[in-house]
C-alpha atoms as a PDB file:
ATOM      1  CA  MET A   1      26.778 159.341  88.072  1.00  0.00           C
ATOM      2  CA  ALA A   2      29.590 160.033  90.513  1.00  0.00           C
ATOM      3  CA  ILE A   3      29.025 160.138  94.248  1.00  0.00           C
ATOM      4  CA  LYS A   4      29.276 163.681  95.600  1.00  0.00           C
ATOM      5  CA  SER A   5      31.339 164.861  98.544  1.00  0.00           C
ATOM      6  CA  THR A   6      29.729 165.185 101.969  1.00  0.00           C
ATOM      7  CA  ILE A   7      29.893 168.689 103.427  1.00  0.00           C
ATOM      8  CA  TYR A   8      30.858 169.238 107.081  1.00  0.00           C
ATOM      9  CA  LYS A   9      30.389 172.586 108.850  1.00  0.00           C
ATOM     10  CA  ILE A  10      32.732 173.079 111.775  1.00  0.00           C
ATOM     11  CA  ASP A  11      32.766 175.795 114.394  1.00  0.00           C
ATOM     12  CA  LEU A  12      36.327 175.576 115.721  1.00  0.00           C
ATOM     13  CA  GLN A  13      37.878 177.492 118.595  1.00  0.00           C
ATOM     14  CA  ILE A  14      41.641 177.158 118.961  1.00  0.00           C
ATOM     15  CA  ALA A  15      43.728 178.062 121.986  1.00  0.00           C
ATOM     16  CA  ASP A  16      47.286 177.093 121.079  1.00  0.00           C
ATOM     17  CA  MET A  17      49.378 177.974 124.122  1.00  0.00           C
ATOM     18  CA  ASP A  18      52.549 176.614 122.498  1.00  0.00           C
ATOM     19  CA  ARG A  19      52.367 179.080 119.563  1.00  0.00           C
ATOM     20  CA  HIS A  20      50.298 181.803 121.307  1.00  0.00           C
ATOM     21  CA  TYR A  21      47.590 181.503 118.667  1.00  0.00           C
ATOM     22  CA  TYR A  22      43.987 182.076 119.731  1.00  0.00           C
ATOM     23  CA  ALA A  23      41.220 182.218 117.135  1.00  0.00           C
ATOM     24  CA  GLN A  24      37.805 181.054 116.049  1.00  0.00           C
ATOM     25  CA  HIS A  25      37.364 179.487 112.610  1.00  0.00           C
ATOM     26  CA  ASN A  26      34.144 178.624 110.821  1.00  0.00           C
ATOM     27  CA  LEU A  27      35.206 175.890 108.422  1.00  0.00           C
ATOM     28  CA  THR A  28      33.492 174.040 105.618  1.00  0.00           C
ATOM     29  CA  LEU A  29      35.139 170.730 104.766  1.00  0.00           C
ATOM     30  CA  ALA A  30      34.220 168.474 101.880  1.00  0.00           C
ATOM     31  CA  ARG A  31      34.704 164.787 102.607  1.00  0.00           C
ATOM     32  CA  HIS A  32      35.651 162.944  99.433  1.00  0.00           C
ATOM     33  CA  PRO A  33      33.508 159.800  98.869  1.00  0.00           C
ATOM     34  CA  SER A  34      36.559 157.584  99.424  1.00  0.00           C
ATOM     35  CA  GLU A  35      37.619 159.428 102.598  1.00  0.00           C
ATOM     36  CA  THR A  36      36.826 158.061 106.061  1.00  0.00           C
ATOM     37  CA  ASP A  37      35.648 160.068 109.062  1.00  0.00           C
ATOM     38  CA  GLU A  38      39.001 159.293 110.665  1.00  0.00           C
ATOM     39  CA  ARG A  39      40.953 160.889 107.802  1.00  0.00           C
ATOM     40  CA  LEU A  40      38.638 163.909 107.778  1.00  0.00           C
ATOM     41  CA  MET A  41      39.284 164.446 111.489  1.00  0.00           C
ATOM     42  CA  VAL A  42      43.047 164.013 111.038  1.00  0.00           C
ATOM     43  CA  ARG A  43      42.911 166.748 108.366  1.00  0.00           C
ATOM     44  CA  LEU A  44      41.107 168.911 110.913  1.00  0.00           C
ATOM     45  CA  ILE A  45      43.779 168.206 113.559  1.00  0.00           C
ATOM     46  CA  ALA A  46      46.493 169.114 111.026  1.00  0.00           C
ATOM     47  CA  PHE A  47      44.680 172.419 110.539  1.00  0.00           C
ATOM     48  CA  MET A  48      44.588 172.961 114.313  1.00  0.00           C
ATOM     49  CA  LEU A  49      48.322 172.307 114.671  1.00  0.00           C
ATOM     50  CA  TYR A  50      49.298 174.880 112.022  1.00  0.00           C
ATOM     51  CA  ALA A  51      46.273 177.210 111.992  1.00  0.00           C
ATOM     52  CA  ASN A  52      46.648 180.787 110.846  1.00  0.00           C
ATOM     53  CA  ASP A  53      44.729 183.223 108.652  1.00  0.00           C
ATOM     54  CA  THR A  54      46.232 181.989 105.377  1.00  0.00           C
ATOM     55  CA  LEU A  55      46.184 178.203 105.916  1.00  0.00           C
ATOM     56  CA  ALA A  56      43.663 176.646 103.524  1.00  0.00           C
ATOM     57  CA  PHE A  57      42.390 173.195 102.667  1.00  0.00           C
ATOM     58  CA  GLY A  58      43.569 171.911  99.289  1.00  0.00           C
ATOM     59  CA  LYS A  59      41.921 169.385  97.019  1.00  0.00           C
ATOM     60  CA  GLY A  60      43.926 166.539  98.592  1.00  0.00           C
ATOM     61  CA  LEU A  61      42.428 163.227  97.444  1.00  0.00           C
ATOM     62  CA  SER A  62      40.787 164.843  94.409  1.00  0.00           C
ATOM     63  CA  ASP A  63      44.023 166.222  92.929  1.00  0.00           C
ATOM     64  CA  ASP A  64      47.536 164.731  93.119  1.00  0.00           C
ATOM     65  CA  GLU A  65      49.094 168.163  92.563  1.00  0.00           C
ATOM     66  CA  GLU A  66      47.590 169.714  95.712  1.00  0.00           C
ATOM     67  CA  PRO A  67      48.141 168.834  99.354  1.00  0.00           C
ATOM     68  CA  ASP A  68      45.465 168.357 101.999  1.00  0.00           C
ATOM     69  CA  LEU A  69      46.333 171.791 103.427  1.00  0.00           C
ATOM     70  CA  TRP A  70      48.603 174.554 102.291  1.00  0.00           C
ATOM     71  CA  GLN A  71      49.664 178.091 102.966  1.00  0.00           C
ATOM     72  CA  LYS A  72      50.820 180.446 100.221  1.00  0.00           C
ATOM     73  CA  ASP A  73      52.416 183.865 100.425  1.00  0.00           C
ATOM     74  CA  LEU A  74      51.144 186.915  98.513  1.00  0.00           C
ATOM     75  CA  THR A  75      53.170 185.957  95.437  1.00  0.00           C
ATOM     76  CA  GLY A  76      51.604 182.483  95.299  1.00  0.00           C
ATOM     77  CA  ALA A  77      54.741 180.692  96.510  1.00  0.00           C
ATOM     78  CA  ILE A  78      53.944 177.732  98.768  1.00  0.00           C
ATOM     79  CA  GLU A  79      55.172 178.333 102.317  1.00  0.00           C
ATOM     80  CA  LEU A  80      53.642 175.253 103.951  1.00  0.00           C
ATOM     81  CA  TRP A  81      52.492 171.958 102.390  1.00  0.00           C
ATOM     82  CA  ILE A  82      50.639 169.461 104.634  1.00  0.00           C
ATOM     83  CA  ASP A  83      49.810 165.895 103.591  1.00  0.00           C
ATOM     84  CA  VAL A  84      47.704 163.534 105.703  1.00  0.00           C
ATOM     85  CA  GLY A  85      48.026 159.758 105.649  1.00  0.00           C
ATOM     86  CA  LEU A  86      50.774 157.637 104.150  1.00  0.00           C
ATOM     87  CA  PRO A  87      51.987 159.470 101.041  1.00  0.00           C
ATOM     88  CA  ASP A  88      54.487 158.042  98.603  1.00  0.00           C
ATOM     89  CA  GLU A  89      58.088 158.967  99.441  1.00  0.00           C
ATOM     90  CA  ARG A  90      58.619 160.275  95.906  1.00  0.00           C
ATOM     91  CA  GLU A  91      55.652 162.642  96.298  1.00  0.00           C
ATOM     92  CA  ILE A  92      57.077 163.951  99.578  1.00  0.00           C
ATOM     93  CA  ARG A  93      60.424 164.716  97.918  1.00  0.00           C
ATOM     94  CA  LYS A  94      58.558 166.526  95.138  1.00  0.00           C
ATOM     95  CA  ALA A  95      56.606 168.569  97.710  1.00  0.00           C
ATOM     96  CA  CYS A  96      59.853 169.458  99.522  1.00  0.00           C
ATOM     97  CA  GLY A  97      61.116 170.929  96.268  1.00  0.00           C
ATOM     98  CA  ARG A  98      57.967 173.012  95.781  1.00  0.00           C
ATOM     99  CA  SER A  99      57.457 174.325  99.328  1.00  0.00           C
ATOM    100  CA  ALA A 100      59.498 176.033 102.031  1.00  0.00           C
ATOM    101  CA  GLN A 101      58.158 173.612 104.673  1.00  0.00           C
ATOM    102  CA  VAL A 102      56.442 170.212 104.309  1.00  0.00           C
ATOM    103  CA  VAL A 103      54.535 168.384 107.045  1.00  0.00           C
ATOM    104  CA  VAL A 104      53.285 164.809 106.850  1.00  0.00           C
ATOM    105  CA  VAL A 105      50.686 163.820 109.445  1.00  0.00           C
ATOM    106  CA  LEU A 106      50.560 160.032 109.815  1.00  0.00           C
ATOM    107  CA  TYR A 107      47.739 158.029 111.375  1.00  0.00           C
ATOM    108  CA  GLY A 108      46.632 154.422 111.382  1.00  0.00           C
ATOM    109  CA  GLY A 109      48.512 152.844 114.268  1.00  0.00           C
ATOM    110  CA  ARG A 110      50.739 149.926 113.264  1.00  0.00           C
ATOM    111  CA  ILE A 111      50.388 150.686 109.540  1.00  0.00           C
ATOM    112  CA  ALA A 112      51.812 154.183 110.110  1.00  0.00           C
ATOM    113  CA  ASP A 113      54.683 152.690 112.132  1.00  0.00           C
ATOM    114  CA  MET A 114      55.511 150.285 109.286  1.00  0.00           C
ATOM    115  CA  TRP A 115      55.320 153.143 106.755  1.00  0.00           C
ATOM    116  CA  TRP A 116      57.827 155.131 108.822  1.00  0.00           C
ATOM    117  CA  GLU A 117      60.174 152.127 109.119  1.00  0.00           C
ATOM    118  CA  ASN A 118      60.150 151.713 105.334  1.00  0.00           C
ATOM    119  CA  ASN A 119      60.557 155.410 104.461  1.00  0.00           C
ATOM    120  CA  SER A 120      62.487 157.009 107.327  1.00  0.00           C
ATOM    121  CA  LYS A 121      65.972 156.503 105.911  1.00  0.00           C
ATOM    122  CA  ALA A 122      65.200 158.532 102.765  1.00  0.00           C
ATOM    123  CA  LEU A 123      62.995 161.094 104.533  1.00  0.00           C
ATOM    124  CA  LEU A 124      65.512 161.921 107.262  1.00  0.00           C
ATOM    125  CA  LYS A 125      67.673 163.542 104.559  1.00  0.00           C
ATOM    126  CA  LEU A 126      65.026 166.179 103.740  1.00  0.00           C
ATOM    127  CA  ASN A 127      65.753 169.330 105.754  1.00  0.00           C
ATOM    128  CA  ASN A 128      62.389 171.052 105.261  1.00  0.00           C
ATOM    129  CA  LEU A 129      60.249 168.041 106.274  1.00  0.00           C
ATOM    130  CA  THR A 130      58.399 167.404 109.535  1.00  0.00           C
ATOM    131  CA  VAL A 131      56.720 164.041 110.165  1.00  0.00           C
ATOM    132  CA  ILE A 132      54.101 163.730 112.917  1.00  0.00           C
ATOM    133  CA  ASN A 133      52.354 160.523 113.955  1.00  0.00           C
ATOM    134  CA  LEU A 134      48.910 160.679 115.574  1.00  0.00           C
ATOM    135  CA  PRO A 135      48.353 157.464 117.526  1.00  0.00           C
ATOM    136  CA  ASP A 136      44.854 156.247 118.398  1.00  0.00           C
ATOM    137  CA  THR A 137      42.817 158.381 116.005  1.00  0.00           C
ATOM    138  CA  GLN A 138      39.790 156.081 115.868  1.00  0.00           C
ATOM    139  CA  GLU A 139      38.288 157.857 118.878  1.00  0.00           C
ATOM    140  CA  ILE A 140      38.281 161.195 117.037  1.00  0.00           C
ATOM    141  CA  ALA A 141      36.511 159.589 114.074  1.00  0.00           C
ATOM    142  CA  ASP A 142      33.587 158.840 116.385  1.00  0.00           C
ATOM    143  CA  ILE A 143      32.965 162.553 117.048  1.00  0.00           C
ATOM    144  CA  ALA A 144      32.665 163.486 113.363  1.00  0.00           C
ATOM    145  CA  THR A 145      29.244 164.917 112.555  1.00  0.00           C
ATOM    146  CA  ARG A 146      28.137 167.137 109.694  1.00  0.00           C
ATOM    147  CA  GLY A 147      27.670 170.051 112.091  1.00  0.00           C
ATOM    148  CA  MET A 148      30.419 170.125 114.725  1.00  0.00           C
ATOM    149  CA  SER A 149      31.411 172.567 117.404  1.00  0.00           C
ATOM    150  CA  ILE A 150      34.916 171.830 118.677  1.00  0.00           C
ATOM    151  CA  SER A 151      37.200 173.621 121.080  1.00  0.00           C
ATOM    152  CA  CYS A 152      40.882 172.783 120.758  1.00  0.00           C
ATOM    153  CA  THR A 153      43.473 173.475 123.401  1.00  0.00           C
ATOM    154  CA  ILE A 154      47.114 172.808 122.571  1.00  0.00           C
ATOM    155  CA  GLN A 155      49.570 172.984 125.433  1.00  0.00           C
ATOM    156  CA  ASP A 156      52.936 171.301 126.000  1.00  0.00           C
ATOM    157  CA  GLU A 157      52.516 169.484 122.659  1.00  0.00           C
ATOM    158  CA  GLN A 158      49.252 167.858 123.813  1.00  0.00           C
ATOM    159  CA  ILE A 159      45.920 168.379 122.070  1.00  0.00           C
ATOM    160  CA  LEU A 160      42.643 168.436 123.977  1.00  0.00           C
ATOM    161  CA  LEU A 161      39.501 168.414 121.847  1.00  0.00           C
ATOM    162  CA  GLY A 162      36.256 169.372 123.543  1.00  0.00           C
ATOM    163  CA  HIS A 163      33.036 168.480 121.727  1.00  0.00           C
ATOM    164  CA  ALA A 164      29.321 168.065 122.399  1.00  0.00           C
ATOM    165  CA  SER A 165      29.606 164.657 124.069  1.00  0.00           C
ATOM    166  CA  GLY A 166      32.902 164.986 125.945  1.00  0.00           C
ATOM    167  CA  SER A 167      36.573 165.411 125.227  1.00  0.00           C
ATOM    168  CA  VAL A 168      39.463 163.573 123.607  1.00  0.00           C
ATOM    169  CA  GLU A 169      43.162 163.944 124.352  1.00  0.00           C
ATOM    170  CA  ILE A 170      45.748 163.346 121.632  1.00  0.00           C
ATOM    171  CA  THR A 171      49.515 163.312 121.989  1.00  0.00           C
ATOM    172  CA  PRO A 172      51.218 163.771 118.616  1.00  0.00           C
ATOM    173  CA  VAL A 173      54.575 162.033 118.209  1.00  0.00           C
ATOM    174  CA  VAL A 174      57.099 164.068 116.200  1.00  0.00           C
ATOM    175  CA  LEU A 175      59.183 161.555 114.234  1.00  0.00           C
ATOM    176  CA  LYS A 176      61.232 164.123 112.326  1.00  0.00           C
END
């Protein structure tokens, strides 16, 4: 019998001063059995960075044909495709062909840096691709609980996450 996903309920308040987006979201995230708390929280940060009423979580790890997050227009065309982690360069090119905008959110410290070194030459040619590196994400993994209440403030490209036991500051690095 297969191991089932773990369900996380998240009460999220976003104040994104950079985009002038202010909203509350009640999210339900399923953590795949092979997914770590760190990756789950990076998916949540990716949602915070691009949040709007039509951004939705995809099947991600469960389905190679869907991203971790995506936004579709009313016709079903993909406007935004977001992958988390260290995807294969070929898969990124494929996503760039299917979507108006593609975002890859890297994490993992030195491993993410090595991934970028190996793939940057080919990826820099893709005009509709954005690559963001989140350094030091282990600290956000420690705040993951099955019932979370998080307030997110984004200002001057800095992210401040407030949670039950304190706060965490993250500075995303835009590589492309």
